[in-house]
Protein backbone atom coordinates (compact mmCIF):
# COMPACT_ATOMS: atom_id res chain seq x y z
CA GLY A 1 9.96 -10.12 23.14
CA SER A 2 10.03 -8.00 19.99
CA GLU A 3 6.23 -8.27 19.60
CA SER A 4 5.49 -6.28 22.75
CA SER A 5 8.29 -3.77 22.20
CA SER A 6 7.07 -2.95 18.69
CA GLY A 7 3.54 -2.60 20.11
CA GLU A 8 4.84 -0.25 22.80
CA LEU A 9 6.79 1.70 20.19
CA SER A 10 3.71 2.16 17.99
CA ASP A 11 1.76 3.34 21.07
CA ILE A 12 4.51 5.88 21.83
CA ARG A 13 4.48 7.11 18.20
CA LEU A 14 0.70 7.41 18.40
CA GLU A 15 0.83 9.45 21.62
CA LEU A 16 3.53 11.68 20.13
CA ALA A 17 1.48 12.33 16.98
CA GLN A 18 -1.61 13.11 19.07
CA SER A 19 0.32 15.43 21.39
CA LEU A 20 1.49 17.49 18.40
CA GLU A 21 -1.98 18.05 16.98
CA PRO A 22 -2.87 21.30 18.81
CA ASP A 23 0.11 23.11 17.23
CA GLN A 24 -1.12 22.56 13.66
CA HIS A 25 -1.91 26.24 13.06
CA THR A 26 1.75 27.12 13.64
CA ILE A 27 3.11 24.82 10.90
CA SER A 28 3.19 25.08 7.12
CA GLU A 29 0.88 23.14 4.80
CA GLU A 30 3.75 20.82 3.82
CA GLU A 31 4.64 20.16 7.47
CA ARG A 32 0.96 19.53 8.24
CA SER A 33 0.83 16.97 5.43
CA GLN A 34 4.02 15.27 6.69
CA TRP A 35 2.53 15.21 10.19
CA GLN A 36 -0.73 13.67 8.87
CA LEU A 37 1.31 11.01 7.06
CA ALA A 38 3.37 10.27 10.19
CA TRP A 39 0.17 9.96 12.21
CA ALA A 40 -1.38 7.66 9.58
CA ARG A 41 1.73 5.44 9.78
CA ALA A 42 1.59 5.39 13.58
CA LEU A 43 -2.12 4.47 13.52
CA ALA A 44 -1.49 1.72 10.96
CA ALA A 45 1.41 0.33 13.04
CA ALA A 46 -0.84 0.34 16.12
CA GLY A 47 -3.46 -1.66 14.21
CA LYS A 48 -5.98 1.21 14.16
CA THR A 49 -6.80 0.74 10.48
CA ASN A 50 -10.02 2.79 10.26
CA GLU A 51 -8.37 5.85 11.82
CA ALA A 52 -5.25 5.31 9.70
CA ALA A 53 -7.41 5.15 6.57
CA ARG A 54 -9.01 8.49 7.49
CA ARG A 55 -5.57 10.09 7.95
CA TYR A 56 -4.26 8.73 4.64
CA GLY A 57 -7.44 10.05 3.04
CA ALA A 58 -6.76 13.49 4.57
CA VAL A 59 -3.19 13.50 3.19
CA LEU A 60 -4.41 12.55 -0.30
CA HIS A 61 -7.18 15.14 -0.11
CA SER A 62 -4.61 17.92 0.29
CA GLU A 63 -1.84 16.24 -1.77
CA LYS A 64 -3.40 14.09 -4.49
CA ASP A 65 0.02 13.16 -5.91
CA ASN A 66 1.69 12.03 -2.68
CA VAL A 67 2.95 8.67 -3.94
CA ASP A 68 4.14 7.50 -0.50
CA ALA A 69 0.67 8.09 0.91
CA GLN A 70 -0.97 6.41 -2.12
CA TYR A 71 1.29 3.37 -1.77
CA GLU A 72 0.88 2.98 2.00
CA TYR A 73 -2.88 3.62 1.87
CA ALA A 74 -3.25 1.04 -0.93
CA GLN A 75 -1.35 -1.50 1.20
CA LEU A 76 -3.54 -0.76 4.21
CA LEU A 77 -6.72 -1.14 2.12
CA ALA A 78 -5.53 -4.29 0.35
CA ASP A 79 -4.57 -5.89 3.66
CA SER A 80 -8.04 -5.24 5.11
CA GLY A 81 -9.45 -7.60 2.49
CA ASP A 82 -13.06 -6.37 2.19
CA ARG A 83 -14.35 -5.80 -1.34
CA ALA A 84 -14.86 -2.02 -1.12
CA SER A 85 -11.34 -1.53 0.29
CA LEU A 86 -9.82 -3.81 -2.36
CA GLU A 87 -11.53 -1.87 -5.15
CA LYS A 88 -10.24 1.41 -3.70
CA ALA A 89 -6.75 -0.16 -3.39
CA LEU A 90 -6.89 -1.17 -7.07
CA LYS A 91 -7.32 2.48 -8.11
CA LEU A 92 -4.48 3.56 -5.81
CA TRP A 93 -2.11 0.88 -7.22
CA LEU A 94 -2.82 2.27 -10.70
CA ASP A 95 -2.01 5.78 -9.44
CA VAL A 96 1.25 4.52 -7.89
CA LEU A 97 2.16 2.72 -11.14
CA ALA A 98 1.48 5.85 -13.19
CA ALA A 99 3.71 7.94 -10.91
CA ALA A 100 6.53 5.41 -10.42
CA THR A 101 9.59 5.29 -12.65
CA PRO A 102 9.11 2.25 -14.92
CA GLU A 103 11.18 -0.75 -13.79
CA SER A 104 11.95 0.84 -10.41
CA GLN A 105 11.54 -1.22 -7.24
CA ARG A 106 8.31 0.63 -6.38
CA TRP A 107 6.99 0.07 -9.94
CA PHE A 108 7.53 -3.71 -9.72
CA GLU A 109 6.02 -3.79 -6.21
CA ALA A 110 2.96 -1.90 -7.44
CA LYS A 111 2.62 -4.28 -10.43
CA TYR A 112 2.75 -7.22 -8.03
CA ARG A 113 0.25 -5.67 -5.60
CA LEU A 114 -2.06 -4.77 -8.52
CA ALA A 115 -2.07 -8.41 -9.64
CA GLN A 116 -2.48 -9.60 -6.05
CA THR A 117 -5.46 -7.29 -5.52
CA HIS A 118 -7.16 -8.57 -8.70
CA PHE A 119 -6.59 -12.10 -7.35
CA GLN A 120 -8.10 -11.13 -3.96
CA LEU A 121 -11.11 -9.69 -5.82
CA GLY A 122 -11.69 -13.10 -7.42
CA ASP A 123 -10.20 -12.39 -10.85
CA PRO A 124 -7.23 -14.80 -11.14
CA GLU A 125 -7.26 -14.57 -14.97
CA ARG A 126 -6.70 -10.79 -14.89
CA ALA A 127 -4.01 -11.18 -12.21
CA ALA A 128 -2.23 -13.86 -14.27
CA LYS A 129 -2.40 -11.68 -17.39
CA ILE A 130 -0.72 -8.76 -15.54
CA ILE A 131 2.03 -11.09 -14.25
CA ARG A 132 2.65 -12.76 -17.64
CA LEU A 133 2.83 -9.44 -19.47
CA THR A 134 5.24 -8.07 -16.86
CA GLN A 135 7.38 -11.26 -17.15
CA VAL A 136 7.57 -10.99 -20.95
CA LEU A 137 8.54 -7.30 -20.93
CA HIS A 138 10.74 -7.39 -17.80
CA PRO A 139 11.96 -10.99 -17.20
CA GLU A 140 14.06 -10.02 -14.15
CA LEU A 141 10.89 -8.76 -12.34
CA GLY A 142 12.83 -6.40 -10.08
CA THR A 143 14.51 -8.33 -7.29
CA PRO A 144 14.91 -12.11 -6.85
CA GLN A 145 12.47 -11.90 -3.93
CA LEU A 146 9.84 -10.14 -6.06
CA LYS A 147 10.44 -12.59 -8.91
CA GLN A 148 9.66 -15.39 -6.45
CA GLN A 149 6.49 -13.60 -5.24
CA PHE A 150 5.31 -13.10 -8.83
CA ALA A 151 5.92 -16.80 -9.57
CA GLU A 152 4.02 -17.93 -6.44
CA LEU A 153 1.07 -15.64 -7.21
CA LEU A 154 0.99 -16.84 -10.85
CA ALA A 155 0.90 -20.46 -9.63
CA ARG A 156 -2.01 -19.61 -7.30
CA CYS A 157 -3.82 -17.87 -10.19
CA GLN A 158 -3.37 -20.88 -12.45
CA ALA A 159 -4.56 -23.28 -9.73
CA GLU A 160 -7.61 -21.08 -9.06
CA SER A 161 -8.41 -20.73 -12.79
CA SER A 162 -8.24 -24.48 -13.44
CA GLN A 163 -10.83 -25.32 -10.79
């Protein structure tokens, strides 16, 4: 099935990234950063979240403004669900929002993930406030799919707040 083939594919990507490591001194700083990011993605796809987090951290250490790395690292952290990771993700979502073009797809996704992370941290009121403000200023909320996700999260926030 597709489950095992995607698992095999992520293992192959992981082996490829590891096999390239010894040649790092022959590549430029930009290529090294791209390689680190590719390795982080391969580790994340293979479910090796701690190692992936270290690689994303390495990319952001050398390239603080790498928005792709910020976005993917924030997703990885938010998906892990522990409080320290969620708080780190919150900061990264704010960085992504600051760098994204307002009203772009990435901007709306970051707004959603920011609200979702506040919700995961046990602050449904703050999450709902972010969603409502975004709805008032940008009623289309990006794509129909994102609009639906915002609406579902807002409903969960309201249910959580009323308890």
